[in-house]
Amino acid sequence: MSRYFLAALVLALLVTATACEKNTHPAGPSGTVTNRASGYFKSGGWHFWLTVNGSKFRVTRTDYKSCFHGSRYPACTNR
C-alpha cells in the first residue's frame, strides 16, 4: 500500500511542478528593461512585473530572475 501511495505522491509533485513552470502571462513588448518590481498578494503569492519602454506587464518568476535593468526583453528570458 505504501509503495502505491509514494508513487502517487511523486506523480502529483511532478504534475504540480510542471504546471507551475508554464508561462501563463502574455508576452510583453520587445525592448530594454527599465524597471523590475515584485509584490506579495496574500491570496495569490508572489507576482513579478517588468517595465519595458514604459509598458508594465506581468512575468513569471523565471523571467523576472533572468531579466535585469538594461537587458533586452525577450532575449533575456532565453538563458
PDB file of N, CA and C in Angstrom:
ATOM      1  N   MET A   1       0.818  -1.194   0.000  1.00  0.00           N
ATOM      2  CA  MET A   1       0.000   0.000   0.000  1.00  0.00           C
ATOM      3  C   MET A   1       0.863   1.259   0.000  1.00  0.00           C
ATOM      4  N   SER A   2       1.923   1.284   0.780  1.00  0.00           N
ATOM      5  CA  SER A   2       2.746   2.484   0.868  1.00  0.00           C
ATOM      6  C   SER A   2       3.506   2.754  -0.433  1.00  0.00           C
ATOM      7  N   ARG A   3       3.827   1.715  -1.187  1.00  0.00           N
ATOM      8  CA  ARG A   3       4.520   1.901  -2.461  1.00  0.00           C
ATOM      9  C   ARG A   3       3.635   2.649  -3.461  1.00  0.00           C
ATOM     10  N   TYR A   4       2.345   2.304  -3.490  1.00  0.00           N
ATOM     11  CA  TYR A   4       1.415   2.983  -4.392  1.00  0.00           C
ATOM     12  C   TYR A   4       1.186   4.425  -3.956  1.00  0.00           C
ATOM     13  N   PHE A   5       1.121   4.620  -2.653  1.00  0.00           N
ATOM     14  CA  PHE A   5       0.954   5.980  -2.134  1.00  0.00           C
ATOM     15  C   PHE A   5       2.152   6.847  -2.502  1.00  0.00           C
ATOM     16  N   LEU A   6       3.342   6.310  -2.342  1.00  0.00           N
ATOM     17  CA  LEU A   6       4.556   7.041  -2.682  1.00  0.00           C
ATOM     18  C   LEU A   6       4.609   7.362  -4.181  1.00  0.00           C
ATOM     19  N   ALA A   7       4.233   6.409  -5.014  1.00  0.00           N
ATOM     20  CA  ALA A   7       4.211   6.636  -6.461  1.00  0.00           C
ATOM     21  C   ALA A   7       3.202   7.723  -6.830  1.00  0.00           C
ATOM     22  N   ALA A   8       2.040   7.695  -6.196  1.00  0.00           N
ATOM     23  CA  ALA A   8       1.026   8.717  -6.465  1.00  0.00           C
ATOM     24  C   ALA A   8       1.498  10.089  -5.998  1.00  0.00           C
ATOM     25  N   LEU A   9       2.170  10.138  -4.876  1.00  0.00           N
ATOM     26  CA  LEU A   9       2.690  11.402  -4.356  1.00  0.00           C
ATOM     27  C   LEU A   9       3.749  11.986  -5.281  1.00  0.00           C
ATOM     28  N   VAL A  10       4.664  11.155  -5.761  1.00  0.00           N
ATOM     29  CA  VAL A  10       5.704  11.624  -6.683  1.00  0.00           C
ATOM     30  C   VAL A  10       5.070  12.126  -7.977  1.00  0.00           C
ATOM     31  N   LEU A  11       4.098  11.408  -8.488  1.00  0.00           N
ATOM     32  CA  LEU A  11       3.408  11.832  -9.708  1.00  0.00           C
ATOM     33  C   LEU A  11       2.701  13.174  -9.509  1.00  0.00           C
ATOM     34  N   ALA A  12       2.042  13.355  -8.376  1.00  0.00           N
ATOM     35  CA  ALA A  12       1.359  14.612  -8.084  1.00  0.00           C
ATOM     36  C   ALA A  12       2.348  15.764  -7.990  1.00  0.00           C
ATOM     37  N   LEU A  13       3.496  15.540  -7.383  1.00  0.00           N
ATOM     38  CA  LEU A  13       4.510  16.588  -7.281  1.00  0.00           C
ATOM     39  C   LEU A  13       5.076  16.954  -8.647  1.00  0.00           C
ATOM     40  N   LEU A  14       5.289  15.977  -9.496  1.00  0.00           N
ATOM     41  CA  LEU A  14       5.785  16.263 -10.850  1.00  0.00           C
ATOM     42  C   LEU A  14       4.777  17.063 -11.661  1.00  0.00           C
ATOM     43  N   VAL A  15       3.521  16.701 -11.567  1.00  0.00           N
ATOM     44  CA  VAL A  15       2.478  17.431 -12.294  1.00  0.00           C
ATOM     45  C   VAL A  15       2.385  18.865 -11.776  1.00  0.00           C
ATOM     46  N   THR A  16       2.451  19.044 -10.476  1.00  0.00           N
ATOM     47  CA  THR A  16       2.386  20.383  -9.888  1.00  0.00           C
ATOM     48  C   THR A  16       3.587  21.224 -10.310  1.00  0.00           C
ATOM     49  N   ALA A  17       4.775  20.652 -10.268  1.00  0.00           N
ATOM     50  CA  ALA A  17       5.982  21.394 -10.649  1.00  0.00           C
ATOM     51  C   ALA A  17       5.940  21.779 -12.119  1.00  0.00           C
ATOM     52  N   THR A  18       5.462  20.906 -12.965  1.00  0.00           N
ATOM     53  CA  THR A  18       5.365  21.202 -14.391  1.00  0.00           C
ATOM     54  C   THR A  18       4.333  22.289 -14.651  1.00  0.00           C
ATOM     55  N   ALA A  19       3.214  22.241 -13.959  1.00  0.00           N
ATOM     56  CA  ALA A  19       2.168  23.239 -14.151  1.00  0.00           C
ATOM     57  C   ALA A  19       2.610  24.617 -13.682  1.00  0.00           C
ATOM     58  N   CYS A  20       3.428  24.677 -12.648  1.00  0.00           N
ATOM     59  CA  CYS A  20       3.881  25.961 -12.116  1.00  0.00           C
ATOM     60  C   CYS A  20       4.897  26.643 -13.016  1.00  0.00           C
ATOM     61  N   GLU A  21       5.601  25.909 -13.844  1.00  0.00           N
ATOM     62  CA  GLU A  21       6.630  26.489 -14.689  1.00  0.00           C
ATOM     63  C   GLU A  21       6.092  27.043 -16.001  1.00  0.00           C
ATOM     64  N   LYS A  22       4.867  26.739 -16.348  1.00  0.00           N
ATOM     65  CA  LYS A  22       4.316  27.218 -17.617  1.00  0.00           C
ATOM     66  C   LYS A  22       4.086  28.719 -17.557  1.00  0.00           C
ATOM     67  N   ASN A  23       4.343  29.387 -18.670  1.00  0.00           N
ATOM     68  CA  ASN A  23       4.138  30.815 -18.756  1.00  0.00           C
ATOM     69  C   ASN A  23       2.662  31.091 -18.987  1.00  0.00           C
ATOM     70  N   THR A  24       1.983  31.616 -17.987  1.00  0.00           N
ATOM     71  CA  THR A  24       0.557  31.882 -18.094  1.00  0.00           C
ATOM     72  C   THR A  24       0.275  33.347 -18.389  1.00  0.00           C
ATOM     73  N   HIS A  25       1.310  34.127 -18.590  1.00  0.00           N
ATOM     74  CA  HIS A  25       1.153  35.546 -18.844  1.00  0.00           C
ATOM     75  C   HIS A  25       1.493  35.843 -20.300  1.00  0.00           C
ATOM     76  N   PRO A  26       0.758  36.757 -20.921  1.00  0.00           N
ATOM     77  CA  PRO A  26       1.100  37.115 -22.302  1.00  0.00           C
ATOM     78  C   PRO A  26       2.453  37.825 -22.357  1.00  0.00           C
ATOM     79  N   ALA A  27       3.154  37.635 -23.452  1.00  0.00           N
ATOM     80  CA  ALA A  27       4.471  38.266 -23.612  1.00  0.00           C
ATOM     81  C   ALA A  27       4.319  39.780 -23.732  1.00  0.00           C
ATOM     82  N   GLY A  28       5.284  40.488 -23.190  1.00  0.00           N
ATOM     83  CA  GLY A  28       5.281  41.940 -23.272  1.00  0.00           C
ATOM     84  C   GLY A  28       5.961  42.406 -24.545  1.00  0.00           C
ATOM     85  N   PRO A  29       6.076  43.720 -24.720  1.00  0.00           N
ATOM     86  CA  PRO A  29       6.715  44.262 -25.913  1.00  0.00           C
ATOM     87  C   PRO A  29       8.228  44.068 -25.891  1.00  0.00           C
ATOM     88  N   SER A  30       8.830  44.029 -27.045  1.00  0.00           N
ATOM     89  CA  SER A  30      10.289  43.925 -27.131  1.00  0.00           C
ATOM     90  C   SER A  30      10.914  45.261 -26.782  1.00  0.00           C
ATOM     91  N   GLY A  31      12.086  45.219 -26.162  1.00  0.00           N
ATOM     92  CA  GLY A  31      12.791  46.448 -25.828  1.00  0.00           C
ATOM     93  C   GLY A  31      13.714  46.275 -24.645  1.00  0.00           C
ATOM     94  N   THR A  32      14.125  47.399 -24.060  1.00  0.00           N
ATOM     95  CA  THR A  32      15.051  47.415 -22.940  1.00  0.00           C
ATOM     96  C   THR A  32      14.281  47.461 -21.620  1.00  0.00           C
ATOM     97  N   VAL A  33      14.694  46.615 -20.687  1.00  0.00           N
ATOM     98  CA  VAL A  33      14.060  46.589 -19.361  1.00  0.00           C
ATOM     99  C   VAL A  33      14.467  47.854 -18.616  1.00  0.00           C
ATOM    100  N   THR A  34      13.472  48.648 -18.206  1.00  0.00           N
ATOM    101  CA  THR A  34      13.747  49.894 -17.496  1.00  0.00           C
ATOM    102  C   THR A  34      13.427  49.804 -16.015  1.00  0.00           C
ATOM    103  N   ASN A  35      12.639  48.801 -15.608  1.00  0.00           N
ATOM    104  CA  ASN A  35      12.301  48.656 -14.200  1.00  0.00           C
ATOM    105  C   ASN A  35      11.843  47.228 -13.927  1.00  0.00           C
ATOM    106  N   ARG A  36      12.094  46.759 -12.705  1.00  0.00           N
ATOM    107  CA  ARG A  36      11.618  45.456 -12.243  1.00  0.00           C
ATOM    108  C   ARG A  36      10.889  45.669 -10.936  1.00  0.00           C
ATOM    109  N   ALA A  37       9.806  44.951 -10.735  1.00  0.00           N
ATOM    110  CA  ALA A  37       9.057  45.089  -9.495  1.00  0.00           C
ATOM    111  C   ALA A  37       8.485  43.738  -9.096  1.00  0.00           C
ATOM    112  N   SER A  38       8.363  43.532  -7.799  1.00  0.00           N
ATOM    113  CA  SER A  38       7.713  42.326  -7.292  1.00  0.00           C
ATOM    114  C   SER A  38       6.815  42.739  -6.143  1.00  0.00           C
ATOM    115  N   GLY A  39       5.759  41.987  -5.964  1.00  0.00           N
ATOM    116  CA  GLY A  39       4.840  42.294  -4.884  1.00  0.00           C
ATOM    117  C   GLY A  39       4.204  41.036  -4.361  1.00  0.00           C
ATOM    118  N   TYR A  40       3.825  41.033  -3.108  1.00  0.00           N
ATOM    119  CA  TYR A  40       3.201  39.874  -2.490  1.00  0.00           C
ATOM    120  C   TYR A  40       1.730  40.157  -2.274  1.00  0.00           C
ATOM    121  N   PHE A  41       0.908  39.263  -2.749  1.00  0.00           N
ATOM    122  CA  PHE A  41      -0.517  39.357  -2.515  1.00  0.00           C
ATOM    123  C   PHE A  41      -0.917  38.147  -1.682  1.00  0.00           C
ATOM    124  N   LYS A  42      -1.627  38.375  -0.607  1.00  0.00           N
ATOM    125  CA  LYS A  42      -1.910  37.328   0.370  1.00  0.00           C
ATOM    126  C   LYS A  42      -2.541  36.084  -0.252  1.00  0.00           C
ATOM    127  N   SER A  43      -3.485  36.258  -1.152  1.00  0.00           N
ATOM    128  CA  SER A  43      -4.164  35.088  -1.709  1.00  0.00           C
ATOM    129  C   SER A  43      -3.471  34.519  -2.933  1.00  0.00           C
ATOM    130  N   GLY A  44      -2.665  35.320  -3.614  1.00  0.00           N
ATOM    131  CA  GLY A  44      -2.099  34.856  -4.864  1.00  0.00           C
ATOM    132  C   GLY A  44      -0.618  34.561  -4.851  1.00  0.00           C
ATOM    133  N   GLY A  45       0.078  34.823  -3.781  1.00  0.00           N
ATOM    134  CA  GLY A  45       1.518  34.595  -3.739  1.00  0.00           C
ATOM    135  C   GLY A  45       2.282  35.741  -4.388  1.00  0.00           C
ATOM    136  N   TRP A  46       3.510  35.456  -4.776  1.00  0.00           N
ATOM    137  CA  TRP A  46       4.357  36.478  -5.377  1.00  0.00           C
ATOM    138  C   TRP A  46       3.951  36.756  -6.810  1.00  0.00           C
ATOM    139  N   HIS A  47       3.981  38.026  -7.180  1.00  0.00           N
ATOM    140  CA  HIS A  47       3.708  38.467  -8.544  1.00  0.00           C
ATOM    141  C   HIS A  47       4.904  39.307  -8.984  1.00  0.00           C
ATOM    142  N   PHE A  48       5.322  39.152 -10.235  1.00  0.00           N
ATOM    143  CA  PHE A  48       6.504  39.835 -10.746  1.00  0.00           C
ATOM    144  C   PHE A  48       6.153  40.635 -11.984  1.00  0.00           C
ATOM    145  N   TRP A  49       6.730  41.844 -12.091  1.00  0.00           N
ATOM    146  CA  TRP A  49       6.490  42.720 -13.232  1.00  0.00           C
ATOM    147  C   TRP A  49       7.806  43.226 -13.802  1.00  0.00           C
ATOM    148  N   LEU A  50       7.802  43.456 -15.102  1.00  0.00           N
ATOM    149  CA  LEU A  50       8.895  44.139 -15.785  1.00  0.00           C
ATOM    150  C   LEU A  50       8.314  45.347 -16.480  1.00  0.00           C
ATOM    151  N   THR A  51       9.109  46.405 -16.587  1.00  0.00           N
ATOM    152  CA  THR A  51       8.718  47.563 -17.367  1.00  0.00           C
ATOM    153  C   THR A  51       9.679  47.667 -18.534  1.00  0.00           C
ATOM    154  N   VAL A  52       9.125  47.640 -19.737  1.00  0.00           N
ATOM    155  CA  VAL A  52       9.913  47.724 -20.966  1.00  0.00           C
ATOM    156  C   VAL A  52       9.355  48.884 -21.780  1.00  0.00           C
ATOM    157  N   ASN A  53      10.195  49.890 -22.012  1.00  0.00           N
ATOM    158  CA  ASN A  53       9.808  51.067 -22.798  1.00  0.00           C
ATOM    159  C   ASN A  53       8.504  51.690 -22.306  1.00  0.00           C
ATOM    160  N   GLY A  54       8.332  51.784 -20.998  1.00  0.00           N
ATOM    161  CA  GLY A  54       7.162  52.423 -20.419  1.00  0.00           C
ATOM    162  C   GLY A  54       5.945  51.527 -20.287  1.00  0.00           C
ATOM    163  N   SER A  55       6.015  50.302 -20.729  1.00  0.00           N
ATOM    164  CA  SER A  55       4.894  49.372 -20.645  1.00  0.00           C
ATOM    165  C   SER A  55       5.169  48.354 -19.537  1.00  0.00           C
ATOM    166  N   LYS A  56       4.324  48.334 -18.506  1.00  0.00           N
ATOM    167  CA  LYS A  56       4.499  47.421 -17.375  1.00  0.00           C
ATOM    168  C   LYS A  56       3.623  46.189 -17.605  1.00  0.00           C
ATOM    169  N   PHE A  57       4.221  45.007 -17.435  1.00  0.00           N
ATOM    170  CA  PHE A  57       3.482  43.771 -17.643  1.00  0.00           C
ATOM    171  C   PHE A  57       3.999  42.704 -16.699  1.00  0.00           C
ATOM    172  N   ARG A  58       3.148  41.724 -16.449  1.00  0.00           N
ATOM    173  CA  ARG A  58       3.457  40.662 -15.502  1.00  0.00           C
ATOM    174  C   ARG A  58       4.235  39.549 -16.189  1.00  0.00           C
ATOM    175  N   VAL A  59       5.209  38.982 -15.472  1.00  0.00           N
ATOM    176  CA  VAL A  59       6.037  37.898 -15.998  1.00  0.00           C
ATOM    177  C   VAL A  59       6.138  36.782 -14.960  1.00  0.00           C
ATOM    178  N   THR A  60       6.685  35.658 -15.380  1.00  0.00           N
ATOM    179  CA  THR A  60       6.897  34.550 -14.460  1.00  0.00           C
ATOM    180  C   THR A  60       8.115  34.839 -13.586  1.00  0.00           C
ATOM    181  N   ARG A  61       8.262  34.066 -12.543  1.00  0.00           N
ATOM    182  CA  ARG A  61       9.398  34.227 -11.638  1.00  0.00           C
ATOM    183  C   ARG A  61      10.715  33.964 -12.368  1.00  0.00           C
ATOM    184  N   THR A  62      10.731  32.978 -13.243  1.00  0.00           N
ATOM    185  CA  THR A  62      11.932  32.639 -14.009  1.00  0.00           C
ATOM    186  C   THR A  62      12.349  33.799 -14.902  1.00  0.00           C
ATOM    187  N   ASP A  63      11.392  34.411 -15.606  1.00  0.00           N
ATOM    188  CA  ASP A  63      11.693  35.561 -16.457  1.00  0.00           C
ATOM    189  C   ASP A  63      12.184  36.741 -15.623  1.00  0.00           C
ATOM    190  N   TYR A  64      11.581  36.953 -14.461  1.00  0.00           N
ATOM    191  CA  TYR A  64      11.984  38.046 -13.578  1.00  0.00           C
ATOM    192  C   TYR A  64      13.428  37.871 -13.123  1.00  0.00           C
ATOM    193  N   LYS A  65      13.796  36.645 -12.776  1.00  0.00           N
ATOM    194  CA  LYS A  65      15.158  36.378 -12.323  1.00  0.00           C
ATOM    195  C   LYS A  65      16.180  36.525 -13.450  1.00  0.00           C
ATOM    196  N   SER A  66      15.772  36.317 -14.703  1.00  0.00           N
ATOM    197  CA  SER A  66      16.691  36.374 -15.841  1.00  0.00           C
ATOM    198  C   SER A  66      16.876  37.776 -16.399  1.00  0.00           C
ATOM    199  N   CYS A  67      15.910  38.647 -16.222  1.00  0.00           N
ATOM    200  CA  CYS A  67      15.940  39.970 -16.858  1.00  0.00           C
ATOM    201  C   CYS A  67      16.287  41.053 -15.839  1.00  0.00           C
ATOM    202  N   PHE A  68      17.381  41.748 -16.097  1.00  0.00           N
ATOM    203  CA  PHE A  68      17.833  42.814 -15.216  1.00  0.00           C
ATOM    204  C   PHE A  68      17.671  44.169 -15.898  1.00  0.00           C
ATOM    205  N   HIS A  69      17.805  45.228 -15.127  1.00  0.00           N
ATOM    206  CA  HIS A  69      17.706  46.588 -15.651  1.00  0.00           C
ATOM    207  C   HIS A  69      18.744  46.763 -16.758  1.00  0.00           C
ATOM    208  N   GLY A  70      18.287  47.191 -17.930  1.00  0.00           N
ATOM    209  CA  GLY A  70      19.171  47.414 -19.065  1.00  0.00           C
ATOM    210  C   GLY A  70      19.273  46.235 -20.019  1.00  0.00           C
ATOM    211  N   SER A  71      18.747  45.066 -19.651  1.00  0.00           N
ATOM    212  CA  SER A  71      18.813  43.922 -20.562  1.00  0.00           C
ATOM    213  C   SER A  71      17.699  44.013 -21.603  1.00  0.00           C
ATOM    214  N   ARG A  72      17.863  43.273 -22.671  1.00  0.00           N
ATOM    215  CA  ARG A  72      16.896  43.294 -23.768  1.00  0.00           C
ATOM    216  C   ARG A  72      15.833  42.221 -23.532  1.00  0.00           C
ATOM    217  N   TYR A  73      14.578  42.613 -23.574  1.00  0.00           N
ATOM    218  CA  TYR A  73      13.456  41.686 -23.448  1.00  0.00           C
ATOM    219  C   TYR A  73      12.929  41.408 -24.840  1.00  0.00           C
ATOM    220  N   PRO A  74      12.611  40.239 -25.243  1.00  0.00           N
ATOM    221  CA  PRO A  74      12.527  38.959 -24.552  1.00  0.00           C
ATOM    222  C   PRO A  74      13.804  38.129 -24.610  1.00  0.00           C
ATOM    223  N   ALA A  75      14.891  38.654 -25.178  1.00  0.00           N
ATOM    224  CA  ALA A  75      16.132  37.877 -25.287  1.00  0.00           C
ATOM    225  C   ALA A  75      16.657  37.448 -23.917  1.00  0.00           C
ATOM    226  N   CYS A  76      16.437  38.240 -22.880  1.00  0.00           N
ATOM    227  CA  CYS A  76      16.942  37.891 -21.548  1.00  0.00           C
ATOM    228  C   CYS A  76      16.236  36.667 -20.965  1.00  0.00           C
ATOM    229  N   THR A  77      15.085  36.295 -21.468  1.00  0.00           N
ATOM    230  CA  THR A  77      14.354  35.143 -20.951  1.00  0.00           C
ATOM    231  C   THR A  77      14.887  33.826 -21.500  1.00  0.00           C
ATOM    232  N   ASN A  78      15.739  33.872 -22.494  1.00  0.00           N
ATOM    233  CA  ASN A  78      16.251  32.655 -23.136  1.00  0.00           C
ATOM    234  C   ASN A  78      17.603  32.231 -22.594  1.00  0.00           C
ATOM    235  N   ARG A  79      17.830  32.329 -21.305  1.00  0.00           N
ATOM    236  CA  ARG A  79      19.115  31.943 -20.704  1.00  0.00           C
ATOM    237  C   ARG A  79      19.084  30.499 -20.295  1.00  0.00           C
TER     238      ARG A  79
END
